[in-house]
Amino acid sequence: EETIVTKNGRKKAKLKRIQKNLTPQGIIKLDNPCIHVDFPVILWE
């Protein structure tokens, strides 16, 4: 969020990070399946 800060009579715009009222997107489906990182097999082509 852009906020205006007045310092010594001068106005300066600053960006303030918003961390409240945010909702996570949740679980999304992958377009291409991936191999799990804990799968103990070496792939070789």
All heavy atoms as atom14 arrays in JSON, in Angstrom:
{
  "sequence": "EETIVTKNGRKKAKLKRIQKNLTPQGIIKLDNPCIHVDFPVILWE",
  "atom14_mask": [
    [1, 1, 1, 1, 1, 1, 1, 1, 1, 0, 0, 0, 0, 0],
    [1, 1, 1, 1, 1, 1, 1, 1, 1, 0, 0, 0, 0, 0],
    [1, 1, 1, 1, 1, 1, 1, 0, 0, 0, 0, 0, 0, 0],
    [1, 1, 1, 1, 1, 1, 1, 1, 0, 0, 0, 0, 0, 0],
    [1, 1, 1, 1, 1, 1, 1, 0, 0, 0, 0, 0, 0, 0],
    [1, 1, 1, 1, 1, 1, 1, 0, 0, 0, 0, 0, 0, 0],
    [1, 1, 1, 1, 1, 1, 1, 1, 1, 0, 0, 0, 0, 0],
    [1, 1, 1, 1, 1, 1, 1, 1, 0, 0, 0, 0, 0, 0],
    [1, 1, 1, 1, 0, 0, 0, 0, 0, 0, 0, 0, 0, 0],
    [1, 1, 1, 1, 1, 1, 1, 1, 1, 1, 1, 0, 0, 0],
    [1, 1, 1, 1, 1, 1, 1, 1, 1, 0, 0, 0, 0, 0],
    [1, 1, 1, 1, 1, 1, 1, 1, 1, 0, 0, 0, 0, 0],
    [1, 1, 1, 1, 1, 0, 0, 0, 0, 0, 0, 0, 0, 0],
    [1, 1, 1, 1, 1, 1, 1, 1, 1, 0, 0, 0, 0, 0],
    [1, 1, 1, 1, 1, 1, 1, 1, 0, 0, 0, 0, 0, 0],
    [1, 1, 1, 1, 1, 1, 1, 1, 1, 0, 0, 0, 0, 0],
    [1, 1, 1, 1, 1, 1, 1, 1, 1, 1, 1, 0, 0, 0],
    [1, 1, 1, 1, 1, 1, 1, 1, 0, 0, 0, 0, 0, 0],
    [1, 1, 1, 1, 1, 1, 1, 1, 1, 0, 0, 0, 0, 0],
    [1, 1, 1, 1, 1, 1, 1, 1, 1, 0, 0, 0, 0, 0],
    [1, 1, 1, 1, 1, 1, 1, 1, 0, 0, 0, 0, 0, 0],
    [1, 1, 1, 1, 1, 1, 1, 1, 0, 0, 0, 0, 0, 0],
    [1, 1, 1, 1, 1, 1, 1, 0, 0, 0, 0, 0, 0, 0],
    [1, 1, 1, 1, 1, 1, 1, 0, 0, 0, 0, 0, 0, 0],
    [1, 1, 1, 1, 1, 1, 1, 1, 1, 0, 0, 0, 0, 0],
    [1, 1, 1, 1, 0, 0, 0, 0, 0, 0, 0, 0, 0, 0],
    [1, 1, 1, 1, 1, 1, 1, 1, 0, 0, 0, 0, 0, 0],
    [1, 1, 1, 1, 1, 1, 1, 1, 0, 0, 0, 0, 0, 0],
    [1, 1, 1, 1, 1, 1, 1, 1, 1, 0, 0, 0, 0, 0],
    [1, 1, 1, 1, 1, 1, 1, 1, 0, 0, 0, 0, 0, 0],
    [1, 1, 1, 1, 1, 1, 1, 1, 0, 0, 0, 0, 0, 0],
    [1, 1, 1, 1, 1, 1, 1, 1, 0, 0, 0, 0, 0, 0],
    [1, 1, 1, 1, 1, 1, 1, 0, 0, 0, 0, 0, 0, 0],
    [1, 1, 1, 1, 1, 1, 0, 0, 0, 0, 0, 0, 0, 0],
    [1, 1, 1, 1, 1, 1, 1, 1, 0, 0, 0, 0, 0, 0],
    [1, 1, 1, 1, 1, 1, 1, 1, 1, 1, 0, 0, 0, 0],
    [1, 1, 1, 1, 1, 1, 1, 0, 0, 0, 0, 0, 0, 0],
    [1, 1, 1, 1, 1, 1, 1, 1, 0, 0, 0, 0, 0, 0],
    [1, 1, 1, 1, 1, 1, 1, 1, 1, 1, 1, 0, 0, 0],
    [1, 1, 1, 1, 1, 1, 1, 0, 0, 0, 0, 0, 0, 0],
    [1, 1, 1, 1, 1, 1, 1, 0, 0, 0, 0, 0, 0, 0],
    [1, 1, 1, 1, 1, 1, 1, 1, 0, 0, 0, 0, 0, 0],
    [1, 1, 1, 1, 1, 1, 1, 1, 0, 0, 0, 0, 0, 0],
    [1, 1, 1, 1, 1, 1, 1, 1, 1, 1, 1, 1, 1, 1],
    [1, 1, 1, 1, 1, 1, 1, 1, 1, 0, 0, 0, 0, 0]
  ],
  "atom14_positions": [
    [[0.86, -1.18, 0.0], [0.0, 0.0, 0.0], [0.9, 1.23, 0.0], [1.88, 1.3, 0.75], [-0.87, -0.03, 1.26], [-1.76, 1.16, 1.42], [-2.54, 1.07, 2.72], [-2.01, 0.56, 3.72], [-3.69, 1.53, 2.71], [0.0, 0.0, 0.0], [0.0, 0.0, 0.0], [0.0, 0.0, 0.0], [0.0, 0.0, 0.0], [0.0, 0.0, 0.0]],
    [[0.58, 2.18, -0.85], [1.38, 3.39, -0.92], [0.91, 4.37, 0.16], [-0.27, 4.69, 0.25], [1.25, 4.04, -2.3], [2.17, 5.21, -2.51], [2.07, 5.78, -3.91], [1.17, 5.4, -4.66], [2.92, 6.62, -4.24], [0.0, 0.0, 0.0], [0.0, 0.0, 0.0], [0.0, 0.0, 0.0], [0.0, 0.0, 0.0], [0.0, 0.0, 0.0]],
    [[1.83, 4.84, 0.97], [1.52, 5.8, 2.02], [2.38, 7.04, 1.82], [3.51, 6.96, 1.32], [1.79, 5.23, 3.42], [3.16, 4.83, 3.5], [0.91, 4.04, 3.7], [0.0, 0.0, 0.0], [0.0, 0.0, 0.0], [0.0, 0.0, 0.0], [0.0, 0.0, 0.0], [0.0, 0.0, 0.0], [0.0, 0.0, 0.0], [0.0, 0.0, 0.0]],
    [[1.84, 8.19, 2.19], [2.54, 9.46, 2.07], [3.11, 9.81, 3.44], [2.39, 9.88, 4.43], [1.6, 10.59, 1.59], [0.93, 10.21, 0.27], [2.36, 11.89, 1.47], [1.9, 10.05, -0.88], [0.0, 0.0, 0.0], [0.0, 0.0, 0.0], [0.0, 0.0, 0.0], [0.0, 0.0, 0.0], [0.0, 0.0, 0.0], [0.0, 0.0, 0.0]],
    [[4.42, 10.01, 3.5], [5.1, 10.36, 4.74], [5.62, 11.78, 4.61], [6.29, 12.12, 3.63], [6.28, 9.39, 5.01], [7.01, 9.78, 6.27], [5.77, 7.96, 5.1], [0.0, 0.0, 0.0], [0.0, 0.0, 0.0], [0.0, 0.0, 0.0], [0.0, 0.0, 0.0], [0.0, 0.0, 0.0], [0.0, 0.0, 0.0], [0.0, 0.0, 0.0]],
    [[5.29, 12.63, 5.61], [5.78, 14.0, 5.62], [6.94, 14.09, 6.6], [6.81, 13.79, 7.78], [4.66, 14.98, 6.04], [3.54, 14.78, 5.17], [5.13, 16.4, 5.95], [0.0, 0.0, 0.0], [0.0, 0.0, 0.0], [0.0, 0.0, 0.0], [0.0, 0.0, 0.0], [0.0, 0.0, 0.0], [0.0, 0.0, 0.0], [0.0, 0.0, 0.0]],
    [[8.09, 14.48, 6.07], [9.28, 14.59, 6.89], [9.98, 15.91, 6.54], [10.35, 16.13, 5.39], [10.2, 13.39, 6.64], [11.39, 13.32, 7.57], [12.16, 12.03, 7.33], [13.29, 11.9, 8.33], [14.05, 10.68, 8.12], [0.0, 0.0, 0.0], [0.0, 0.0, 0.0], [0.0, 0.0, 0.0], [0.0, 0.0, 0.0], [0.0, 0.0, 0.0]],
    [[10.14, 16.78, 7.54], [10.75, 18.1, 7.36], [10.04, 18.92, 6.28], [10.68, 19.61, 5.5], [12.24, 17.96, 7.02], [13.02, 17.34, 8.14], [12.64, 17.44, 9.3], [14.12, 16.7, 7.8], [0.0, 0.0, 0.0], [0.0, 0.0, 0.0], [0.0, 0.0, 0.0], [0.0, 0.0, 0.0], [0.0, 0.0, 0.0], [0.0, 0.0, 0.0]],
    [[8.73, 18.8, 6.25], [7.96, 19.57, 5.29], [7.94, 18.99, 3.88], [7.34, 19.57, 2.99], [0.0, 0.0, 0.0], [0.0, 0.0, 0.0], [0.0, 0.0, 0.0], [0.0, 0.0, 0.0], [0.0, 0.0, 0.0], [0.0, 0.0, 0.0], [0.0, 0.0, 0.0], [0.0, 0.0, 0.0], [0.0, 0.0, 0.0], [0.0, 0.0, 0.0]],
    [[8.6, 17.89, 3.68], [8.63, 17.27, 2.36], [7.78, 16.0, 2.38], [7.85, 15.21, 3.31], [10.07, 16.9, 1.97], [10.99, 18.11, 1.94], [12.38, 17.74, 1.56], [12.42, 17.45, 0.13], [13.45, 16.92, -0.49], [14.53, 16.58, 0.2], [13.43, 16.71, -1.78], [0.0, 0.0, 0.0], [0.0, 0.0, 0.0], [0.0, 0.0, 0.0]],
    [[7.0, 15.85, 1.35], [6.17, 14.66, 1.24], [6.93, 13.59, 0.45], [7.52, 13.87, -0.58], [4.86, 14.98, 0.53], [3.95, 15.85, 1.34], [2.64, 16.05, 0.63], [1.73, 16.92, 1.45], [0.46, 17.16, 0.77], [0.0, 0.0, 0.0], [0.0, 0.0, 0.0], [0.0, 0.0, 0.0], [0.0, 0.0, 0.0], [0.0, 0.0, 0.0]],
    [[6.89, 12.4, 0.99], [7.58, 11.3, 0.34], [6.65, 10.09, 0.34], [6.03, 9.78, 1.35], [8.87, 10.97, 1.09], [9.73, 9.93, 0.43], [11.03, 9.74, 1.2], [11.9, 8.7, 0.53], [13.12, 8.46, 1.26], [0.0, 0.0, 0.0], [0.0, 0.0, 0.0], [0.0, 0.0, 0.0], [0.0, 0.0, 0.0], [0.0, 0.0, 0.0]],
    [[6.57, 9.4, -0.79], [5.72, 8.21, -0.9], [6.54, 6.98, -0.51], [7.67, 6.82, -0.95], [5.18, 8.07, -2.3], [0.0, 0.0, 0.0], [0.0, 0.0, 0.0], [0.0, 0.0, 0.0], [0.0, 0.0, 0.0], [0.0, 0.0, 0.0], [0.0, 0.0, 0.0], [0.0, 0.0, 0.0], [0.0, 0.0, 0.0], [0.0, 0.0, 0.0]],
    [[5.95, 6.13, 0.33], [6.59, 4.9, 0.73], [5.61, 3.75, 0.51], [4.4, 3.93, 0.57], [7.0, 4.93, 2.21], [8.21, 5.74, 2.49], [8.73, 5.4, 3.87], [10.15, 5.91, 4.0], [10.79, 5.41, 5.2], [0.0, 0.0, 0.0], [0.0, 0.0, 0.0], [0.0, 0.0, 0.0], [0.0, 0.0, 0.0], [0.0, 0.0, 0.0]],
    [[6.15, 2.57, 0.32], [5.32, 1.38, 0.18], [5.31, 0.62, 1.5], [6.36, 0.34, 2.08], [5.85, 0.48, -0.93], [5.76, 1.03, -2.34], [6.4, 0.06, -3.31], [4.33, 1.3, -2.72], [0.0, 0.0, 0.0], [0.0, 0.0, 0.0], [0.0, 0.0, 0.0], [0.0, 0.0, 0.0], [0.0, 0.0, 0.0], [0.0, 0.0, 0.0]],
    [[4.11, 0.29, 1.96], [3.94, -0.44, 3.21], [3.35, -1.8, 2.86], [2.36, -1.89, 2.14], [3.0, 0.33, 4.13], [2.73, -0.35, 5.44], [1.75, 0.48, 6.27], [1.37, -0.27, 7.52], [0.32, 0.45, 8.26], [0.0, 0.0, 0.0], [0.0, 0.0, 0.0], [0.0, 0.0, 0.0], [0.0, 0.0, 0.0], [0.0, 0.0, 0.0]],
    [[3.97, -2.86, 3.35], [3.51, -4.21, 3.04], [2.25, -4.53, 3.84], [2.19, -4.31, 5.05], [4.61, -5.21, 3.36], [4.26, -6.61, 2.93], [5.43, -7.53, 3.09], [5.04, -8.87, 2.7], [5.79, -9.93, 2.85], [6.99, -9.82, 3.37], [5.37, -11.1, 2.47], [0.0, 0.0, 0.0], [0.0, 0.0, 0.0], [0.0, 0.0, 0.0]],
    [[1.26, -5.08, 3.15], [0.01, -5.49, 3.79], [0.11, -6.96, 4.15], [0.43, -7.8, 3.3], [-1.19, -5.26, 2.85], [-1.29, -3.79, 2.51], [-2.46, -5.77, 3.47], [-2.36, -3.5, 1.47], [0.0, 0.0, 0.0], [0.0, 0.0, 0.0], [0.0, 0.0, 0.0], [0.0, 0.0, 0.0], [0.0, 0.0, 0.0], [0.0, 0.0, 0.0]],
    [[-0.14, -7.3, 5.43], [-0.08, -8.68, 5.89], [-1.38, -9.13, 6.52], [-1.52, -10.31, 6.87], [1.07, -8.86, 6.87], [2.42, -8.61, 6.24], [3.56, -8.8, 7.22], [3.36, -8.81, 8.42], [4.76, -8.94, 6.69], [0.0, 0.0, 0.0], [0.0, 0.0, 0.0], [0.0, 0.0, 0.0], [0.0, 0.0, 0.0], [0.0, 0.0, 0.0]],
    [[-2.35, -8.24, 6.66], [-3.63, -8.59, 7.28], [-4.69, -8.73, 6.19], [-4.58, -8.15, 5.12], [-4.05, -7.52, 8.29], [-3.12, -7.43, 9.48], [-3.6, -6.39, 10.46], [-2.64, -6.31, 11.64], [-3.06, -5.28, 12.59], [0.0, 0.0, 0.0], [0.0, 0.0, 0.0], [0.0, 0.0, 0.0], [0.0, 0.0, 0.0], [0.0, 0.0, 0.0]],
    [[-5.73, -9.48, 6.52], [-6.88, -9.7, 5.64], [-6.47, -10.34, 4.31], [-7.04, -10.03, 3.27], [-7.64, -8.4, 5.39], [-8.21, -7.82, 6.65], [-8.58, -8.55, 7.56], [-8.26, -6.5, 6.73], [0.0, 0.0, 0.0], [0.0, 0.0, 0.0], [0.0, 0.0, 0.0], [0.0, 0.0, 0.0], [0.0, 0.0, 0.0], [0.0, 0.0, 0.0]],
    [[-5.5, -11.24, 4.33], [-5.11, -11.98, 3.14], [-5.57, -13.43, 3.31], [-5.45, -14.02, 4.38], [-3.6, -11.94, 2.93], [-2.99, -10.56, 2.68], [-1.49, -10.68, 2.54], [-3.59, -9.92, 1.45], [0.0, 0.0, 0.0], [0.0, 0.0, 0.0], [0.0, 0.0, 0.0], [0.0, 0.0, 0.0], [0.0, 0.0, 0.0], [0.0, 0.0, 0.0]],
    [[-6.09, -14.0, 2.23], [-6.57, -15.37, 2.24], [-5.7, -16.21, 1.31], [-5.52, -15.85, 0.15], [-8.03, -15.43, 1.74], [-8.81, -14.49, 2.48], [-8.61, -16.81, 1.91], [0.0, 0.0, 0.0], [0.0, 0.0, 0.0], [0.0, 0.0, 0.0], [0.0, 0.0, 0.0], [0.0, 0.0, 0.0], [0.0, 0.0, 0.0], [0.0, 0.0, 0.0]],
    [[-5.15, -17.33, 1.79], [-4.34, -18.17, 0.9], [-5.19, -18.77, -0.22], [-6.38, -19.04, -0.04], [-3.78, -19.25, 1.8], [-4.39, -19.07, 3.13], [-5.19, -17.83, 3.14], [0.0, 0.0, 0.0], [0.0, 0.0, 0.0], [0.0, 0.0, 0.0], [0.0, 0.0, 0.0], [0.0, 0.0, 0.0], [0.0, 0.0, 0.0], [0.0, 0.0, 0.0]],
    [[-4.55, -18.99, -1.36], [-5.27, -19.56, -2.51], [-5.65, -21.0, -2.24], [-6.69, -21.46, -2.68], [-4.41, -19.46, -3.76], [-5.12, -19.92, -5.02], [-4.24, -19.85, -6.24], [-3.04, -19.71, -6.14], [-4.85, -19.96, -7.4], [0.0, 0.0, 0.0], [0.0, 0.0, 0.0], [0.0, 0.0, 0.0], [0.0, 0.0, 0.0], [0.0, 0.0, 0.0]],
    [[-4.83, -21.74, -1.52], [-5.16, -23.12, -1.17], [-4.4, -24.13, -2.01], [-3.32, -23.86, -2.53], [0.0, 0.0, 0.0], [0.0, 0.0, 0.0], [0.0, 0.0, 0.0], [0.0, 0.0, 0.0], [0.0, 0.0, 0.0], [0.0, 0.0, 0.0], [0.0, 0.0, 0.0], [0.0, 0.0, 0.0], [0.0, 0.0, 0.0], [0.0, 0.0, 0.0]],
    [[-4.99, -25.3, -2.18], [-4.37, -26.39, -2.92], [-4.67, -26.21, -4.41], [-5.82, -26.0, -4.79], [-4.91, -27.76, -2.44], [-4.7, -27.92, -0.93], [-4.27, -28.9, -3.2], [-3.27, -27.99, -0.5], [0.0, 0.0, 0.0], [0.0, 0.0, 0.0], [0.0, 0.0, 0.0], [0.0, 0.0, 0.0], [0.0, 0.0, 0.0], [0.0, 0.0, 0.0]],
    [[-3.62, -26.33, -5.23], [-3.81, -26.22, -6.67], [-3.34, -27.51, -7.33], [-2.46, -28.2, -6.83], [-3.08, -25.01, -7.28], [-1.58, -25.08, -7.01], [-3.66, -23.72, -6.77], [-0.78, -24.03, -7.74], [0.0, 0.0, 0.0], [0.0, 0.0, 0.0], [0.0, 0.0, 0.0], [0.0, 0.0, 0.0], [0.0, 0.0, 0.0], [0.0, 0.0, 0.0]],
    [[-3.95, -27.84, -8.46], [-3.59, -29.03, -9.2], [-2.45, -28.7, -10.15], [-2.48, -27.67, -10.83], [-4.81, -29.53, -9.99], [-4.57, -30.83, -10.71], [-5.81, -31.3, -11.43], [-5.49, -32.58, -12.18], [-6.61, -33.01, -12.99], [0.0, 0.0, 0.0], [0.0, 0.0, 0.0], [0.0, 0.0, 0.0], [0.0, 0.0, 0.0], [0.0, 0.0, 0.0]],
    [[-1.44, -29.57, -10.2], [-0.31, -29.37, -11.09], [-0.68, -29.78, -12.51], [-1.4, -30.77, -12.72], [0.89, -30.18, -10.63], [1.48, -29.8, -9.27], [2.56, -30.79, -8.87], [2.05, -28.41, -9.32], [0.0, 0.0, 0.0], [0.0, 0.0, 0.0], [0.0, 0.0, 0.0], [0.0, 0.0, 0.0], [0.0, 0.0, 0.0], [0.0, 0.0, 0.0]],
    [[-0.19, -29.04, -13.51], [-0.45, -29.4, -14.91], [0.26, -30.71, -15.26], [-0.31, -31.58, -15.91], [0.04, -28.29, -15.84], [-0.76, -27.01, -15.67], [-1.93, -27.1, -15.25], [-0.2, -25.93, -15.93], [0.0, 0.0, 0.0], [0.0, 0.0, 0.0], [0.0, 0.0, 0.0], [0.0, 0.0, 0.0], [0.0, 0.0, 0.0], [0.0, 0.0, 0.0]],
    [[1.51, -30.84, -14.83], [2.29, -32.05, -15.05], [2.66, -32.64, -13.7], [3.24, -31.94, -12.87], [3.56, -31.74, -15.83], [3.25, -31.13, -17.18], [2.35, -31.57, -17.87], [3.98, -30.1, -17.54], [0.0, 0.0, 0.0], [0.0, 0.0, 0.0], [0.0, 0.0, 0.0], [0.0, 0.0, 0.0], [0.0, 0.0, 0.0], [0.0, 0.0, 0.0]],
    [[2.38, -33.93, -13.46], [2.75, -34.52, -12.17], [4.26, -34.5, -11.97], [5.03, -34.63, -12.91], [2.25, -35.95, -12.26], [1.33, -35.99, -13.42], [1.68, -34.87, -14.32], [0.0, 0.0, 0.0], [0.0, 0.0, 0.0], [0.0, 0.0, 0.0], [0.0, 0.0, 0.0], [0.0, 0.0, 0.0], [0.0, 0.0, 0.0], [0.0, 0.0, 0.0]],
    [[4.68, -34.33, -10.72], [6.1, -34.33, -10.36], [6.39, -35.59, -9.53], [5.48, -36.18, -8.97], [6.44, -33.1, -9.53], [6.13, -31.57, -10.39], [0.0, 0.0, 0.0], [0.0, 0.0, 0.0], [0.0, 0.0, 0.0], [0.0, 0.0, 0.0], [0.0, 0.0, 0.0], [0.0, 0.0, 0.0], [0.0, 0.0, 0.0], [0.0, 0.0, 0.0]],
    [[7.65, -35.96, -9.46], [8.05, -37.07, -8.62], [8.34, -36.54, -7.22], [8.99, -35.51, -7.06], [9.28, -37.79, -9.19], [8.89, -38.42, -10.52], [9.8, -38.84, -8.23], [9.99, -39.16, -11.21], [0.0, 0.0, 0.0], [0.0, 0.0, 0.0], [0.0, 0.0, 0.0], [0.0, 0.0, 0.0], [0.0, 0.0, 0.0], [0.0, 0.0, 0.0]],
    [[7.85, -37.24, -6.2], [8.03, -36.81, -4.82], [9.52, -36.8, -4.47], [10.28, -37.66, -4.9], [7.27, -37.76, -3.88], [7.07, -37.21, -2.52], [8.05, -37.26, -1.56], [6.02, -36.58, -1.96], [7.59, -36.69, -0.46], [6.36, -36.27, -0.68], [0.0, 0.0, 0.0], [0.0, 0.0, 0.0], [0.0, 0.0, 0.0], [0.0, 0.0, 0.0]],
    [[9.94, -35.82, -3.68], [11.35, -35.67, -3.35], [11.88, -36.82, -2.5], [13.07, -37.1, -2.51], [11.62, -34.33, -2.63], [11.3, -33.18, -3.53], [10.82, -34.24, -1.34], [0.0, 0.0, 0.0], [0.0, 0.0, 0.0], [0.0, 0.0, 0.0], [0.0, 0.0, 0.0], [0.0, 0.0, 0.0], [0.0, 0.0, 0.0], [0.0, 0.0, 0.0]],
    [[11.02, -37.52, -1.78], [11.45, -38.62, -0.92], [11.43, -39.97, -1.63], [11.68, -40.99, -1.0], [10.57, -38.69, 0.32], [10.79, -37.51, 1.24], [11.88, -36.93, 1.17], [9.87, -37.17, 1.99], [0.0, 0.0, 0.0], [0.0, 0.0, 0.0], [0.0, 0.0, 0.0], [0.0, 0.0, 0.0], [0.0, 0.0, 0.0], [0.0, 0.0, 0.0]],
    [[11.13, -40.0, -2.91], [11.08, -41.26, -3.63], [12.51, -41.75, -3.88], [13.29, -41.09, -4.55], [10.33, -41.1, -4.95], [10.03, -42.4, -5.62], [9.16, -43.3, -5.05], [10.63, -42.72, -6.83], [8.87, -44.49, -5.67], [10.35, -43.92, -7.44], [9.47, -44.81, -6.87], [0.0, 0.0, 0.0], [0.0, 0.0, 0.0], [0.0, 0.0, 0.0]],
    [[12.89, -42.9, -3.34], [14.31, -43.32, -3.33], [14.75, -44.11, -4.57], [15.35, -45.15, -4.46], [14.39, -44.18, -2.09], [13.05, -44.83, -2.05], [12.07, -43.78, -2.53], [0.0, 0.0, 0.0], [0.0, 0.0, 0.0], [0.0, 0.0, 0.0], [0.0, 0.0, 0.0], [0.0, 0.0, 0.0], [0.0, 0.0, 0.0], [0.0, 0.0, 0.0]],
    [[14.45, -43.62, -5.75], [14.85, -44.31, -6.96], [15.6, -43.34, -7.85], [15.21, -42.18, -8.0], [13.6, -44.87, -7.71], [14.0, -45.44, -9.05], [12.93, -45.93, -6.87], [0.0, 0.0, 0.0], [0.0, 0.0, 0.0], [0.0, 0.0, 0.0], [0.0, 0.0, 0.0], [0.0, 0.0, 0.0], [0.0, 0.0, 0.0], [0.0, 0.0, 0.0]],
    [[16.68, -43.79, -8.43], [17.45, -42.97, -9.35], [16.87, -43.16, -10.74], [16.73, -44.29, -11.22], [18.93, -43.35, -9.32], [19.48, -43.13, -7.92], [19.7, -42.58, -10.36], [20.88, -43.65, -7.72], [0.0, 0.0, 0.0], [0.0, 0.0, 0.0], [0.0, 0.0, 0.0], [0.0, 0.0, 0.0], [0.0, 0.0, 0.0], [0.0, 0.0, 0.0]],
    [[16.52, -42.07, -11.38], [15.99, -42.15, -12.74], [17.14, -42.01, -13.72], [17.97, -41.14, -13.59], [14.97, -41.03, -12.95], [13.76, -41.07, -12.03], [12.88, -39.88, -12.27], [12.99, -42.33, -12.22], [0.0, 0.0, 0.0], [0.0, 0.0, 0.0], [0.0, 0.0, 0.0], [0.0, 0.0, 0.0], [0.0, 0.0, 0.0], [0.0, 0.0, 0.0]],
    [[17.12, -42.86, -14.74], [18.2, -42.84, -15.71], [17.62, -43.05, -17.1], [16.86, -43.99, -17.32], [19.22, -43.92, -15.39], [20.33, -44.04, -16.36], [21.09, -43.04, -16.84], [20.8, -45.23, -16.98], [22.02, -43.52, -17.7], [21.86, -44.88, -17.8], [20.44, -46.56, -16.89], [22.57, -45.79, -18.55], [21.13, -47.47, -17.64], [22.18, -47.09, -18.45]],
    [[17.98, -42.17, -17.99], [17.5, -42.29, -19.35], [18.67, -42.69, -20.23], [19.72, -42.05, -20.22], [16.93, -40.95, -19.8], [16.39, -40.98, -21.21], [15.8, -39.65, -21.61], [15.38, -38.9, -20.72], [15.83, -39.35, -22.81], [0.0, 0.0, 0.0], [0.0, 0.0, 0.0], [0.0, 0.0, 0.0], [0.0, 0.0, 0.0], [0.0, 0.0, 0.0]]
  ]
}
